[in-house]
Every structure is written in C-alpha cells, then in structure tokens.
Amino acid sequence: MTATQRLTAEQVATYHREGYLLPVVNVFPDRKFQDLKNHFEAKLAVLPADQRPEGMASPHFTDPKLMEWLLADEVLDLVEPLIGPDIALFFSAFICKPKGDGKRVPWHEDSSYWKPIISPMEVVTVWLAIDPSTTENGCMYIVPRTHNTGRKGFSDYEPVDTAKNVFPTEITPAQRNDAAAVPCILKPGQCSLHDGRLVHGSPPNTSDIRRCGFTMRYVPTTVKLSEDASDWHQLYLARGRDQAGNYYADPTKSYPEIVERRAARTKKIH
C-alpha cells in the first residue's frame, strides 16, 4: 500500500476478479461519520410526505455540504487503487429502507441505467452503511463475477410491481443466478465496493431496524459524459485532472435547475 491507497494489491485483484469487495474498514473517523449520519437524519426529517426514503437520489446537486464526504480523501483513497488517480464524482444517493415496510430493490445492473450517458462503462460504487446492514433488514446481495460474464452489464429486463419494488424493472429470471448471491453485511461506517456492471439487489426490510446506505459513485476522468446528459446531469472533478474533455460542476454551488430537469425526464437514472 502507498500513503494514498487504502487497499492492498490482493484486495484490488479481488475487486477486479469478483466485481466487488468488502474492505472491512471504517471509511471515516468516528466523528466525521457521525456528522454525516446527523446530516442525513436532518434531511430525512424534512423529506416530503409523498416521497419514499428509498429514493433520495443525487442530493449533492442542491446540498454542497455533502461534498465534505463525497470528495473526502478517505473515500478517494479507496477508489484510486481501482480506477486510477484521475477521479470524477458521478452520482450519489441515500437509499433508506424504513423498518417494517422498506421496499425491495430488484435484481439489476447499475450500468443498464447509464448506457446512453457515459462511455466507457467504468464506475465504482462505494456503498457506505449509515445503519447496520444485515440479512434481517434487507442488506444488498451481489452475484460475484457477473460484471465480466454473461451480458456484462446489459441484461434484459421485465416490469415489476412498483408498490413493492424501488425500481420498475428487473433482470429476467432466465438471465439471473439468484442462488449464487452473496450478502454484503456491514456495520455502520463500513462500506462495500462494487463494479457498475455487477448484478445486485436486496430484499424488503420487514424487520424492526431501519437500513440506510449512502451510495457514492466515481468514474475515471477518461469516462465521457454524453452531450445530451450534460443538460440534466453533471460530474465533479474529485482528484487529479480531466482526461476526456468533460465539463465539471462547482462543488461549492447548488444546482436546483439540474434537479428540475432530472425530474422532468420520463426515464430515471439510478
């Protein structure tokens, strides 16, 4: 390991081979993590009554305070060994499953939502546990090695009931191997890392314990955001320098117009 890399060569090899990694480290120091959790709780407290907490997508567009964690060295030092020193913030979301009636996340590949907007498809997700994430309260399950096998991030999908599922579609049963799924069990403050093409999902939360995670997604700056997508999405330069000619938003500013344009789109981005 180097001073700026928090993963060993063996862990990096495991990530690229399996498509995911459970580093078993606390991403942030205790105080910094608690500040993030408190910040989330404040946002949750003012969530509109008609909005489910599973879908708090891209909060950083109107909440620059989140950049304290999204652009933090503690996170980027986990990401850099996987995608290199030139890093852009691509996406963030709080995915909070309430106790008792938290919705199921159907089997999917994140890449299936992003195919029209970025190229090449190289994304790493840091899934930070705000609450305990267990098999009892609906932790994420991943299917190892699916990022480099089968349809490599672009399976066929079919509709599912949105009253019970966070997303409206799911990978067809013929293209899944549910029995091979592995649970990502995490303590608060720990994270999982996974490739954007990996098949994953999670069951509903019928327990008496909430399950919340902060999803932080990063791309190497060799990834290009499409011209169409730049009207309703944006990247932030997190570390290093640009390699693809992208425009990068100002992390100190709020962009409510981006949120409005995203809301107007009929096809949502995960």
Protein backbone atom coordinates (compact mmCIF):
# COMPACT_ATOMS: atom_id res chain seq x y z
CA MET A 1 0.00 0.00 0.00
CA THR A 2 1.05 3.62 -0.53
CA ALA A 3 0.22 6.60 1.64
CA THR A 4 -2.75 7.46 -0.56
CA GLN A 5 -4.15 3.98 -1.17
CA ARG A 6 -6.20 2.10 1.41
CA LEU A 7 -6.37 -1.21 -0.46
CA THR A 8 -3.70 -3.88 -0.85
CA ALA A 9 -2.73 -5.32 -4.24
CA GLU A 10 -4.58 -8.51 -3.26
CA GLN A 11 -7.77 -6.57 -2.49
CA VAL A 12 -7.55 -4.75 -5.81
CA ALA A 13 -7.15 -8.05 -7.65
CA THR A 14 -10.16 -9.46 -5.77
CA TYR A 15 -12.29 -6.48 -6.74
CA HIS A 16 -11.45 -6.77 -10.43
CA ARG A 17 -11.95 -10.55 -10.43
CA GLU A 18 -15.15 -10.77 -8.36
CA GLY A 19 -16.64 -7.37 -9.17
CA TYR A 20 -16.93 -6.35 -5.53
CA LEU A 21 -15.00 -6.02 -2.29
CA LEU A 22 -15.81 -5.74 1.41
CA PRO A 23 -12.77 -3.90 2.80
CA VAL A 24 -13.93 -4.25 6.46
CA VAL A 25 -12.67 -0.78 7.37
CA ASN A 26 -14.38 2.29 8.74
CA VAL A 27 -14.48 4.74 5.86
CA PHE A 28 -14.40 7.84 8.06
CA PRO A 29 -13.18 8.60 11.58
CA ASP A 30 -15.98 8.26 14.14
CA ARG A 31 -16.71 11.99 14.46
CA LYS A 32 -16.80 12.55 10.72
CA PHE A 33 -19.10 9.58 10.22
CA GLN A 34 -21.43 10.77 12.97
CA ASP A 35 -21.58 14.21 11.35
CA LEU A 36 -22.66 12.56 8.09
CA LYS A 37 -25.31 10.49 9.85
CA ASN A 38 -26.63 13.58 11.63
CA HIS A 39 -26.73 15.42 8.31
CA PHE A 40 -28.72 12.59 6.77
CA GLU A 41 -31.16 12.48 9.70
CA ALA A 42 -31.83 16.20 9.24
CA LYS A 43 -32.56 15.66 5.54
CA LEU A 44 -34.81 12.70 6.29
CA ALA A 45 -36.77 14.75 8.82
CA VAL A 46 -37.86 17.23 6.14
CA LEU A 47 -38.49 14.71 3.36
CA PRO A 48 -41.89 15.40 1.75
CA ALA A 49 -44.60 13.07 2.98
CA ASP A 50 -45.24 11.78 -0.53
CA GLN A 51 -41.60 10.81 -1.18
CA ARG A 52 -40.26 7.40 -0.22
CA PRO A 53 -36.88 7.48 1.57
CA GLU A 54 -35.50 4.73 -0.67
CA GLY A 55 -35.18 7.23 -3.50
CA MET A 56 -33.18 10.22 -2.22
CA ALA A 57 -31.13 10.47 -5.43
CA SER A 58 -28.36 12.99 -6.20
CA PRO A 59 -28.84 15.09 -3.05
CA HIS A 60 -25.45 16.73 -3.64
CA PHE A 61 -26.85 18.78 -6.54
CA THR A 62 -28.64 21.03 -4.04
CA ASP A 63 -26.65 20.23 -0.89
CA PRO A 64 -22.98 21.20 -1.33
CA LYS A 65 -22.36 20.27 2.32
CA LEU A 66 -22.29 16.64 1.19
CA MET A 67 -19.07 17.31 -0.71
CA GLU A 68 -17.29 17.18 2.66
CA TRP A 69 -17.77 13.42 2.47
CA LEU A 70 -18.13 12.79 -1.27
CA LEU A 71 -14.79 14.45 -2.11
CA ALA A 72 -13.00 13.34 1.05
CA ASP A 73 -9.58 11.72 0.86
CA GLU A 74 -10.86 8.84 2.99
CA VAL A 75 -13.19 7.82 0.15
CA LEU A 76 -10.97 8.71 -2.77
CA ASP A 77 -8.11 6.70 -1.27
CA LEU A 78 -10.37 3.62 -1.51
CA VAL A 79 -11.35 4.43 -5.09
CA GLU A 80 -7.97 5.40 -6.56
CA PRO A 81 -6.43 1.89 -6.44
CA LEU A 82 -9.39 0.66 -8.51
CA ILE A 83 -9.75 3.31 -11.23
CA GLY A 84 -6.59 5.41 -11.07
CA PRO A 85 -5.60 8.88 -9.82
CA ASP A 86 -7.87 10.97 -12.06
CA ILE A 87 -11.32 10.68 -10.50
CA ALA A 88 -14.72 12.30 -11.02
CA LEU A 89 -17.76 12.11 -8.76
CA PHE A 90 -20.57 10.66 -10.87
CA PHE A 91 -23.55 10.14 -8.59
CA SER A 92 -24.76 9.92 -5.01
CA ALA A 93 -27.91 8.75 -3.23
CA PHE A 94 -29.27 7.92 0.18
CA ILE A 95 -31.13 4.62 -0.06
CA CYS A 96 -33.07 4.30 3.17
CA LYS A 97 -35.36 1.33 3.80
CA PRO A 98 -37.72 2.11 6.68
CA LYS A 99 -38.28 -0.59 9.26
CA GLY A 100 -41.31 -2.76 8.61
CA ASP A 101 -42.11 -1.72 5.04
CA GLY A 102 -38.82 -0.98 3.29
CA LYS A 103 -39.15 -1.74 -0.41
CA ARG A 104 -37.27 -4.46 -2.25
CA VAL A 105 -34.53 -3.47 -4.71
CA PRO A 106 -34.99 -5.76 -7.74
CA TRP A 107 -32.06 -7.52 -9.40
CA HIS A 108 -30.32 -5.06 -11.69
CA GLU A 109 -27.06 -3.72 -13.06
CA ASP A 110 -26.43 -0.04 -12.45
CA SER A 111 -24.89 0.13 -15.92
CA SER A 112 -28.25 -0.61 -17.52
CA TYR A 113 -29.40 2.86 -16.41
CA TRP A 114 -26.27 4.60 -17.63
CA LYS A 115 -25.58 3.12 -21.07
CA PRO A 116 -26.74 6.19 -23.02
CA ILE A 117 -24.93 8.76 -20.89
CA ILE A 118 -21.34 7.64 -20.17
CA SER A 119 -18.62 5.83 -22.09
CA PRO A 120 -16.70 3.69 -21.37
CA MET A 121 -18.75 1.96 -18.67
CA GLU A 122 -16.28 2.15 -15.80
CA VAL A 123 -17.88 3.01 -12.47
CA VAL A 124 -17.08 2.07 -8.89
CA THR A 125 -19.73 2.39 -6.18
CA VAL A 126 -18.83 2.98 -2.55
CA TRP A 127 -21.87 1.85 -0.54
CA LEU A 128 -21.46 3.30 2.94
CA ALA A 129 -23.61 1.82 5.70
CA ILE A 130 -25.33 4.53 7.75
CA ASP A 131 -27.19 1.85 9.73
CA PRO A 132 -26.35 -1.81 10.29
CA SER A 133 -26.88 -3.67 7.01
CA THR A 134 -27.82 -7.30 7.68
CA THR A 135 -29.76 -10.18 6.18
CA GLU A 136 -32.57 -9.32 8.59
CA ASN A 137 -33.10 -5.72 7.46
CA GLY A 138 -32.60 -6.10 3.72
CA CYS A 139 -28.89 -5.81 3.02
CA MET A 140 -27.57 -5.75 -0.53
CA TYR A 141 -26.82 -9.06 -2.24
CA ILE A 142 -24.38 -9.27 -5.11
CA VAL A 143 -23.74 -12.01 -7.68
CA PRO A 144 -19.94 -12.31 -8.00
CA ARG A 145 -18.21 -12.10 -11.37
CA THR A 146 -21.33 -11.02 -13.27
CA HIS A 147 -19.58 -7.81 -14.32
CA ASN A 148 -17.36 -9.81 -16.70
CA THR A 149 -19.64 -12.68 -17.67
CA GLY A 150 -22.92 -13.11 -19.49
CA ARG A 151 -24.21 -9.80 -20.80
CA LYS A 152 -21.54 -7.73 -18.99
CA GLY A 153 -23.85 -5.15 -17.52
CA PHE A 154 -26.65 -5.13 -20.07
CA SER A 155 -29.15 -7.88 -19.31
CA ASP A 156 -32.77 -7.97 -20.46
CA TYR A 157 -35.39 -6.57 -18.07
CA GLU A 158 -39.07 -7.08 -17.35
CA PRO A 159 -41.61 -4.97 -15.39
CA VAL A 160 -42.18 -5.47 -11.65
CA ASP A 161 -44.69 -4.06 -9.17
CA THR A 162 -43.54 -0.57 -8.12
CA ALA A 163 -45.67 -0.77 -4.98
CA LYS A 164 -43.22 -3.37 -3.68
CA ASN A 165 -40.04 -2.53 -5.59
CA VAL A 166 -37.81 0.55 -5.68
CA PHE A 167 -37.30 0.27 -9.48
CA PRO A 168 -39.94 -0.58 -12.10
CA THR A 169 -37.96 -3.33 -13.87
CA GLU A 170 -35.84 -6.37 -13.04
CA ILE A 171 -33.44 -8.66 -14.86
CA THR A 172 -35.39 -11.55 -16.38
CA PRO A 173 -35.19 -14.85 -14.41
CA ALA A 174 -33.52 -16.61 -17.35
CA GLN A 175 -30.55 -14.24 -17.08
CA ARG A 176 -30.12 -14.42 -13.29
CA ASN A 177 -28.47 -16.82 -10.87
CA ASP A 178 -30.10 -15.90 -7.57
CA ALA A 179 -28.61 -18.90 -5.79
CA ALA A 180 -25.09 -17.52 -6.29
CA ALA A 181 -25.87 -14.25 -4.50
CA VAL A 182 -23.70 -13.17 -1.56
CA PRO A 183 -24.91 -10.83 1.23
CA CYS A 184 -22.96 -7.62 1.92
CA ILE A 185 -23.19 -7.48 5.71
CA LEU A 186 -21.87 -4.19 7.08
CA LYS A 187 -21.59 -2.36 10.38
CA PRO A 188 -22.33 1.38 10.46
CA GLY A 189 -19.39 3.24 8.96
CA GLN A 190 -18.17 0.30 6.86
CA CYS A 191 -18.63 0.04 3.11
CA SER A 192 -18.79 -2.28 0.16
CA LEU A 193 -17.27 -1.52 -3.23
CA HIS A 194 -18.77 -2.81 -6.46
CA ASP A 195 -18.38 -2.51 -10.21
CA GLY A 196 -21.21 -0.69 -12.01
CA ARG A 197 -21.90 -3.73 -14.21
CA LEU A 198 -22.35 -6.20 -11.33
CA VAL A 199 -25.75 -7.86 -10.80
CA HIS A 200 -27.13 -6.98 -7.37
CA GLY A 201 -30.33 -6.30 -5.45
CA SER A 202 -31.81 -6.51 -1.98
CA PRO A 203 -34.90 -7.96 -0.27
CA PRO A 204 -37.52 -5.85 1.50
CA ASN A 205 -36.96 -4.67 5.05
CA THR A 206 -39.65 -6.25 7.20
CA SER A 207 -37.54 -6.04 10.37
CA ASP A 208 -37.81 -3.51 13.20
CA ILE A 209 -34.46 -1.91 12.27
CA ARG A 210 -34.02 0.74 9.57
CA ARG A 211 -31.44 0.14 6.82
CA CYS A 212 -29.83 3.17 5.22
CA GLY A 213 -26.80 3.46 2.98
CA PHE A 214 -25.06 6.38 1.29
CA THR A 215 -24.20 5.47 -2.29
CA MET A 216 -21.16 7.31 -3.68
CA ARG A 217 -20.19 6.61 -7.30
CA TYR A 218 -17.00 7.54 -9.10
CA VAL A 219 -15.57 7.25 -12.60
CA PRO A 220 -12.07 7.76 -14.00
CA THR A 221 -11.87 11.04 -15.90
CA THR A 222 -11.31 9.06 -19.10
CA VAL A 223 -15.09 8.46 -18.96
CA LYS A 224 -17.03 10.91 -21.12
CA LEU A 225 -20.46 12.28 -20.19
CA SER A 226 -22.69 12.48 -23.26
CA GLU A 227 -23.73 15.87 -24.61
CA ASP A 228 -27.42 15.08 -24.08
CA ALA A 229 -26.88 14.06 -20.46
CA SER A 230 -24.96 17.22 -19.65
CA ASP A 231 -28.26 19.11 -19.68
CA TRP A 232 -29.64 17.18 -16.68
CA HIS A 233 -26.59 15.58 -15.06
CA GLN A 234 -23.09 16.70 -14.16
CA LEU A 235 -19.73 15.47 -12.98
CA TYR A 236 -17.42 16.91 -10.34
CA LEU A 237 -13.65 16.65 -10.55
CA ALA A 238 -12.72 14.86 -7.34
CA ARG A 239 -8.99 14.26 -7.79
CA GLY A 240 -6.33 14.62 -10.49
CA ARG A 241 -7.10 16.09 -13.90
CA ASP A 242 -9.57 15.71 -16.74
CA GLN A 243 -8.75 13.19 -19.48
CA ALA A 244 -11.89 13.23 -21.65
CA GLY A 245 -12.84 16.88 -22.16
CA ASN A 246 -15.69 16.90 -19.65
CA TYR A 247 -17.20 19.96 -18.00
CA TYR A 248 -17.07 19.79 -14.21
CA ALA A 249 -19.54 21.50 -11.89
CA ASP A 250 -18.54 23.72 -8.97
CA PRO A 251 -18.77 21.66 -5.74
CA THR A 252 -19.45 24.81 -3.68
CA LYS A 253 -22.62 25.69 -5.60
CA SER A 254 -26.20 24.42 -5.55
CA TYR A 255 -27.84 23.42 -8.85
CA PRO A 256 -31.64 23.29 -8.38
CA GLU A 257 -32.13 23.63 -12.16
CA ILE A 258 -30.42 20.27 -12.66
CA VAL A 259 -32.84 18.67 -10.21
CA GLU A 260 -35.79 20.20 -12.07
CA ARG A 261 -34.55 18.89 -15.42
CA ARG A 262 -33.99 15.44 -13.97
CA ALA A 263 -37.50 15.40 -12.53
CA ALA A 264 -38.95 16.27 -15.93
CA ARG A 265 -37.37 13.24 -17.57
CA THR A 266 -39.59 10.19 -18.09
CA LYS A 267 -36.68 7.75 -17.81
CA LYS A 268 -34.90 7.97 -14.49
CA ILE A 269 -31.24 7.40 -13.72
CA HIS A 270 -30.34 5.12 -10.83
